Amino acid sequence: MISAEAVRGCRDYVVDSPDGHIGTVYEIRYAGNPQMPSALAIRAGRAGSRLLIVPISQLTAIRTGRHRVTVRASPQITNSERLGASPAVAAEPSERRSVLTS
């Protein structure tokens, strides 16, 4: 089992699956308990213009020394969001309050 502490520290980590590269952790999302992460928002797609919301249950490993997160093959994606601004223009995740609802 992956610890909540490890998940909270994986912002900007590269995300891979057995099928290949997926993207980069953009932010950690919480639902209900602010101490327990529920999902990762992963910047993906050409120019990083999509956010894929992947539940923590889909993670198989976090390698802090390598700054990598591994998810299951064909991970369950609960939502997908389009980013309207380029990464340099978008508000920092700490300035936005994102809450994943069930």
N, C-alpha and C. Protein backbone atom coordinates (compact mmCIF):
# COMPACT_ATOMS: atom_id res chain seq x y z
N MET A 1 0.84 -1.19 0.00
CA MET A 1 0.00 0.00 0.00
C MET A 1 0.89 1.25 0.00
N ILE A 2 0.49 2.24 -0.75
CA ILE A 2 1.25 3.48 -0.87
C ILE A 2 0.75 4.44 0.20
N SER A 3 1.68 5.06 0.92
CA SER A 3 1.31 5.94 2.03
C SER A 3 0.78 7.28 1.52
N ALA A 4 -0.10 7.88 2.33
CA ALA A 4 -0.63 9.20 2.00
C ALA A 4 0.49 10.22 1.93
N GLU A 5 1.49 10.07 2.79
CA GLU A 5 2.63 10.99 2.79
C GLU A 5 3.38 10.93 1.46
N ALA A 6 3.59 9.74 0.94
CA ALA A 6 4.27 9.59 -0.36
C ALA A 6 3.46 10.25 -1.47
N VAL A 7 2.14 10.08 -1.43
CA VAL A 7 1.28 10.68 -2.45
C VAL A 7 1.33 12.20 -2.36
N ARG A 8 1.25 12.73 -1.14
CA ARG A 8 1.27 14.19 -0.96
C ARG A 8 2.56 14.82 -1.49
N GLY A 9 3.64 14.07 -1.54
CA GLY A 9 4.92 14.60 -1.98
C GLY A 9 5.26 14.37 -3.44
N CYS A 10 4.32 13.88 -4.26
CA CYS A 10 4.69 13.49 -5.63
C CYS A 10 4.33 14.51 -6.70
N ARG A 11 4.07 15.75 -6.33
CA ARG A 11 3.77 16.78 -7.34
C ARG A 11 4.99 16.94 -8.26
N ASP A 12 4.74 17.08 -9.54
CA ASP A 12 5.75 17.22 -10.61
C ASP A 12 6.48 15.93 -10.94
N TYR A 13 6.08 14.80 -10.36
CA TYR A 13 6.70 13.51 -10.71
C TYR A 13 6.21 13.06 -12.08
N VAL A 14 7.05 12.32 -12.79
CA VAL A 14 6.69 11.71 -14.06
C VAL A 14 5.77 10.52 -13.77
N VAL A 15 4.73 10.33 -14.59
CA VAL A 15 3.79 9.23 -14.41
C VAL A 15 3.89 8.28 -15.60
N ASP A 16 4.13 7.01 -15.30
CA ASP A 16 4.23 5.97 -16.32
C ASP A 16 3.30 4.82 -15.96
N SER A 17 3.00 4.02 -16.97
CA SER A 17 2.29 2.76 -16.77
C SER A 17 3.08 1.70 -17.52
N PRO A 18 2.73 0.43 -17.37
CA PRO A 18 3.41 -0.60 -18.16
C PRO A 18 3.27 -0.37 -19.67
N ASP A 19 2.26 0.42 -20.06
CA ASP A 19 2.02 0.71 -21.46
C ASP A 19 2.84 1.89 -21.98
N GLY A 20 3.48 2.65 -21.08
CA GLY A 20 4.29 3.79 -21.51
C GLY A 20 4.04 5.04 -20.68
N HIS A 21 4.59 6.14 -21.16
CA HIS A 21 4.51 7.43 -20.48
C HIS A 21 3.09 7.98 -20.52
N ILE A 22 2.63 8.54 -19.39
CA ILE A 22 1.29 9.14 -19.32
C ILE A 22 1.38 10.66 -19.21
N GLY A 23 2.21 11.16 -18.29
CA GLY A 23 2.30 12.61 -18.11
C GLY A 23 3.07 12.95 -16.85
N THR A 24 2.67 14.08 -16.22
CA THR A 24 3.32 14.58 -15.02
C THR A 24 2.26 14.94 -13.99
N VAL A 25 2.53 14.65 -12.72
CA VAL A 25 1.59 14.99 -11.65
C VAL A 25 1.50 16.51 -11.56
N TYR A 26 0.31 17.04 -11.77
CA TYR A 26 0.05 18.47 -11.73
C TYR A 26 -0.39 18.89 -10.33
N GLU A 27 -1.28 18.08 -9.73
CA GLU A 27 -1.73 18.37 -8.38
C GLU A 27 -2.30 17.11 -7.73
N ILE A 28 -2.38 17.16 -6.43
CA ILE A 28 -2.96 16.07 -5.65
C ILE A 28 -4.35 16.53 -5.23
N ARG A 29 -5.34 15.68 -5.40
CA ARG A 29 -6.72 16.04 -5.07
C ARG A 29 -7.20 15.28 -3.85
N TYR A 30 -8.14 15.89 -3.15
CA TYR A 30 -8.67 15.34 -1.90
C TYR A 30 -10.19 15.33 -1.97
N ALA A 31 -10.81 14.33 -1.36
CA ALA A 31 -12.26 14.26 -1.25
C ALA A 31 -12.60 13.89 0.18
N GLY A 32 -13.34 14.72 0.84
CA GLY A 32 -13.75 14.41 2.20
C GLY A 32 -12.68 14.71 3.24
N ASN A 33 -11.70 13.86 3.36
CA ASN A 33 -10.65 14.00 4.37
C ASN A 33 -9.46 14.76 3.78
N PRO A 34 -9.18 15.98 4.29
CA PRO A 34 -8.07 16.77 3.73
C PRO A 34 -6.68 16.18 4.01
N GLN A 35 -6.60 15.16 4.83
CA GLN A 35 -5.32 14.51 5.11
C GLN A 35 -5.08 13.29 4.22
N MET A 36 -6.12 12.85 3.52
CA MET A 36 -6.03 11.62 2.73
C MET A 36 -6.24 11.93 1.24
N PRO A 37 -5.17 11.92 0.44
CA PRO A 37 -5.33 12.17 -0.99
C PRO A 37 -6.25 11.12 -1.63
N SER A 38 -7.06 11.56 -2.59
CA SER A 38 -7.98 10.63 -3.24
C SER A 38 -7.64 10.41 -4.72
N ALA A 39 -6.94 11.37 -5.34
CA ALA A 39 -6.65 11.25 -6.77
C ALA A 39 -5.47 12.13 -7.15
N LEU A 40 -4.88 11.81 -8.30
CA LEU A 40 -3.86 12.65 -8.89
C LEU A 40 -4.44 13.30 -10.14
N ALA A 41 -4.13 14.57 -10.32
CA ALA A 41 -4.43 15.25 -11.59
C ALA A 41 -3.13 15.21 -12.38
N ILE A 42 -3.15 14.51 -13.50
CA ILE A 42 -1.96 14.29 -14.29
C ILE A 42 -2.04 15.11 -15.58
N ARG A 43 -1.04 15.97 -15.78
CA ARG A 43 -0.97 16.77 -17.01
C ARG A 43 -0.52 15.85 -18.13
N ALA A 44 -1.34 15.75 -19.18
CA ALA A 44 -1.06 14.82 -20.27
C ALA A 44 -1.46 15.47 -21.60
N GLY A 45 -1.19 14.75 -22.67
CA GLY A 45 -1.58 15.21 -24.00
C GLY A 45 -0.54 16.12 -24.60
N ARG A 46 -0.77 16.46 -25.86
CA ARG A 46 0.15 17.37 -26.54
C ARG A 46 0.16 18.70 -25.81
N ALA A 47 1.32 19.21 -25.54
CA ALA A 47 1.51 20.49 -24.83
C ALA A 47 0.95 20.46 -23.41
N GLY A 48 0.68 19.26 -22.87
CA GLY A 48 0.19 19.16 -21.50
C GLY A 48 -1.13 19.86 -21.28
N SER A 49 -2.01 19.83 -22.26
CA SER A 49 -3.25 20.60 -22.19
C SER A 49 -4.43 19.85 -21.58
N ARG A 50 -4.23 18.59 -21.15
CA ARG A 50 -5.31 17.81 -20.52
C ARG A 50 -4.88 17.43 -19.12
N LEU A 51 -5.87 17.38 -18.23
CA LEU A 51 -5.66 16.82 -16.90
C LEU A 51 -6.45 15.53 -16.83
N LEU A 52 -5.77 14.45 -16.52
CA LEU A 52 -6.43 13.16 -16.32
C LEU A 52 -6.52 12.96 -14.82
N ILE A 53 -7.71 12.68 -14.32
CA ILE A 53 -7.91 12.48 -12.90
C ILE A 53 -7.91 10.97 -12.64
N VAL A 54 -6.89 10.53 -11.91
CA VAL A 54 -6.68 9.10 -11.67
C VAL A 54 -6.75 8.84 -10.16
N PRO A 55 -7.66 7.95 -9.72
CA PRO A 55 -7.76 7.64 -8.29
C PRO A 55 -6.47 7.03 -7.75
N ILE A 56 -6.19 7.28 -6.50
CA ILE A 56 -5.01 6.75 -5.83
C ILE A 56 -4.98 5.23 -5.90
N SER A 57 -6.13 4.60 -5.94
CA SER A 57 -6.21 3.12 -6.01
C SER A 57 -5.55 2.57 -7.27
N GLN A 58 -5.32 3.41 -8.28
CA GLN A 58 -4.71 2.97 -9.53
C GLN A 58 -3.18 3.02 -9.50
N LEU A 59 -2.61 3.61 -8.43
CA LEU A 59 -1.15 3.71 -8.31
C LEU A 59 -0.57 2.37 -7.88
N THR A 60 0.55 2.01 -8.47
CA THR A 60 1.23 0.77 -8.07
C THR A 60 2.55 1.06 -7.36
N ALA A 61 3.15 2.23 -7.59
CA ALA A 61 4.42 2.56 -6.93
C ALA A 61 4.69 4.05 -7.02
N ILE A 62 5.38 4.57 -6.00
CA ILE A 62 5.94 5.91 -6.04
C ILE A 62 7.41 5.76 -5.70
N ARG A 63 8.25 6.18 -6.62
CA ARG A 63 9.71 6.09 -6.43
C ARG A 63 10.24 7.49 -6.21
N THR A 64 10.36 7.88 -4.94
CA THR A 64 10.75 9.24 -4.61
C THR A 64 12.14 9.58 -5.11
N GLY A 65 13.07 8.64 -5.07
CA GLY A 65 14.43 8.89 -5.54
C GLY A 65 14.50 9.17 -7.03
N ARG A 66 13.55 8.64 -7.76
CA ARG A 66 13.52 8.83 -9.23
C ARG A 66 12.46 9.84 -9.67
N HIS A 67 11.68 10.34 -8.71
CA HIS A 67 10.58 11.28 -9.01
C HIS A 67 9.62 10.67 -10.04
N ARG A 68 9.21 9.43 -9.76
CA ARG A 68 8.32 8.70 -10.68
C ARG A 68 7.15 8.07 -9.93
N VAL A 69 6.01 8.09 -10.60
CA VAL A 69 4.81 7.40 -10.15
C VAL A 69 4.47 6.38 -11.22
N THR A 70 4.12 5.17 -10.79
CA THR A 70 3.69 4.14 -11.73
C THR A 70 2.23 3.81 -11.43
N VAL A 71 1.43 3.74 -12.49
CA VAL A 71 0.03 3.35 -12.36
C VAL A 71 -0.18 2.02 -13.08
N ARG A 72 -1.32 1.42 -12.83
CA ARG A 72 -1.66 0.15 -13.47
C ARG A 72 -1.75 0.31 -14.98
N ALA A 73 -1.62 -0.79 -15.69
CA ALA A 73 -1.86 -0.78 -17.13
C ALA A 73 -3.30 -0.37 -17.36
N SER A 74 -3.53 0.49 -18.32
CA SER A 74 -4.87 1.00 -18.62
C SER A 74 -5.58 1.46 -17.35
N PRO A 75 -5.04 2.47 -16.66
CA PRO A 75 -5.64 2.89 -15.38
C PRO A 75 -7.03 3.47 -15.58
N GLN A 76 -7.85 3.33 -14.55
CA GLN A 76 -9.18 3.93 -14.54
C GLN A 76 -9.00 5.44 -14.44
N ILE A 77 -9.60 6.17 -15.35
CA ILE A 77 -9.57 7.63 -15.32
C ILE A 77 -10.97 8.09 -14.97
N THR A 78 -11.13 8.80 -13.84
CA THR A 78 -12.46 9.18 -13.40
C THR A 78 -12.95 10.47 -14.03
N ASN A 79 -12.03 11.26 -14.58
CA ASN A 79 -12.42 12.51 -15.20
C ASN A 79 -11.26 13.01 -16.06
N SER A 80 -11.58 13.87 -17.00
CA SER A 80 -10.57 14.50 -17.83
C SER A 80 -10.97 15.96 -17.97
N GLU A 81 -10.01 16.86 -17.78
CA GLU A 81 -10.29 18.28 -17.86
C GLU A 81 -9.33 18.93 -18.84
N ARG A 82 -9.79 19.93 -19.54
CA ARG A 82 -8.94 20.69 -20.46
C ARG A 82 -8.43 21.90 -19.71
N LEU A 83 -7.11 22.14 -19.83
CA LEU A 83 -6.53 23.34 -19.25
C LEU A 83 -6.67 24.47 -20.25
N GLY A 84 -7.19 25.60 -19.82
CA GLY A 84 -7.43 26.71 -20.72
C GLY A 84 -6.22 27.57 -20.99
N ALA A 85 -5.24 27.57 -20.07
CA ALA A 85 -4.06 28.41 -20.24
C ALA A 85 -2.82 27.56 -20.29
N SER A 86 -1.76 28.11 -20.82
CA SER A 86 -0.49 27.39 -20.84
C SER A 86 0.01 27.25 -19.41
N PRO A 87 0.90 26.27 -19.13
CA PRO A 87 1.38 26.05 -17.77
C PRO A 87 1.99 27.29 -17.14
N ALA A 88 2.64 28.14 -17.93
CA ALA A 88 3.27 29.33 -17.37
C ALA A 88 2.24 30.37 -16.94
N VAL A 89 1.04 30.31 -17.54
CA VAL A 89 0.00 31.30 -17.26
C VAL A 89 -1.00 30.77 -16.24
N ALA A 90 -1.16 29.46 -16.18
CA ALA A 90 -2.16 28.87 -15.28
C ALA A 90 -1.81 29.17 -13.83
N ALA A 91 -2.83 29.31 -13.00
CA ALA A 91 -2.62 29.54 -11.57
C ALA A 91 -1.93 28.33 -10.96
N GLU A 92 -1.10 28.59 -9.99
CA GLU A 92 -0.44 27.48 -9.30
C GLU A 92 -1.50 26.64 -8.60
N PRO A 93 -1.31 25.32 -8.55
CA PRO A 93 -2.29 24.46 -7.88
C PRO A 93 -2.55 24.87 -6.44
N SER A 94 -1.56 25.40 -5.74
CA SER A 94 -1.77 25.81 -4.36
C SER A 94 -2.70 27.02 -4.27
N GLU A 95 -2.88 27.75 -5.37
CA GLU A 95 -3.77 28.89 -5.39
C GLU A 95 -5.20 28.50 -5.74
N ARG A 96 -5.39 27.28 -6.20
CA ARG A 96 -6.71 26.78 -6.53
C ARG A 96 -7.09 25.73 -5.52
N ARG A 97 -8.32 25.67 -5.17
CA ARG A 97 -8.80 24.62 -4.27
C ARG A 97 -9.60 23.65 -5.09
N SER A 98 -9.02 22.51 -5.41
CA SER A 98 -9.70 21.50 -6.19
C SER A 98 -10.15 20.40 -5.27
N VAL A 99 -11.42 20.05 -5.36
CA VAL A 99 -11.95 18.97 -4.54
C VAL A 99 -12.60 17.97 -5.47
N LEU A 100 -12.21 16.73 -5.36
CA LEU A 100 -12.79 15.67 -6.16
C LEU A 100 -14.06 15.23 -5.47
N THR A 101 -15.16 15.20 -6.18
CA THR A 101 -16.43 14.74 -5.60
C THR A 101 -16.74 13.36 -6.11
N SER A 102 -17.38 12.58 -5.28
CA SER A 102 -17.70 11.22 -5.71
C SER A 102 -19.01 11.13 -6.40
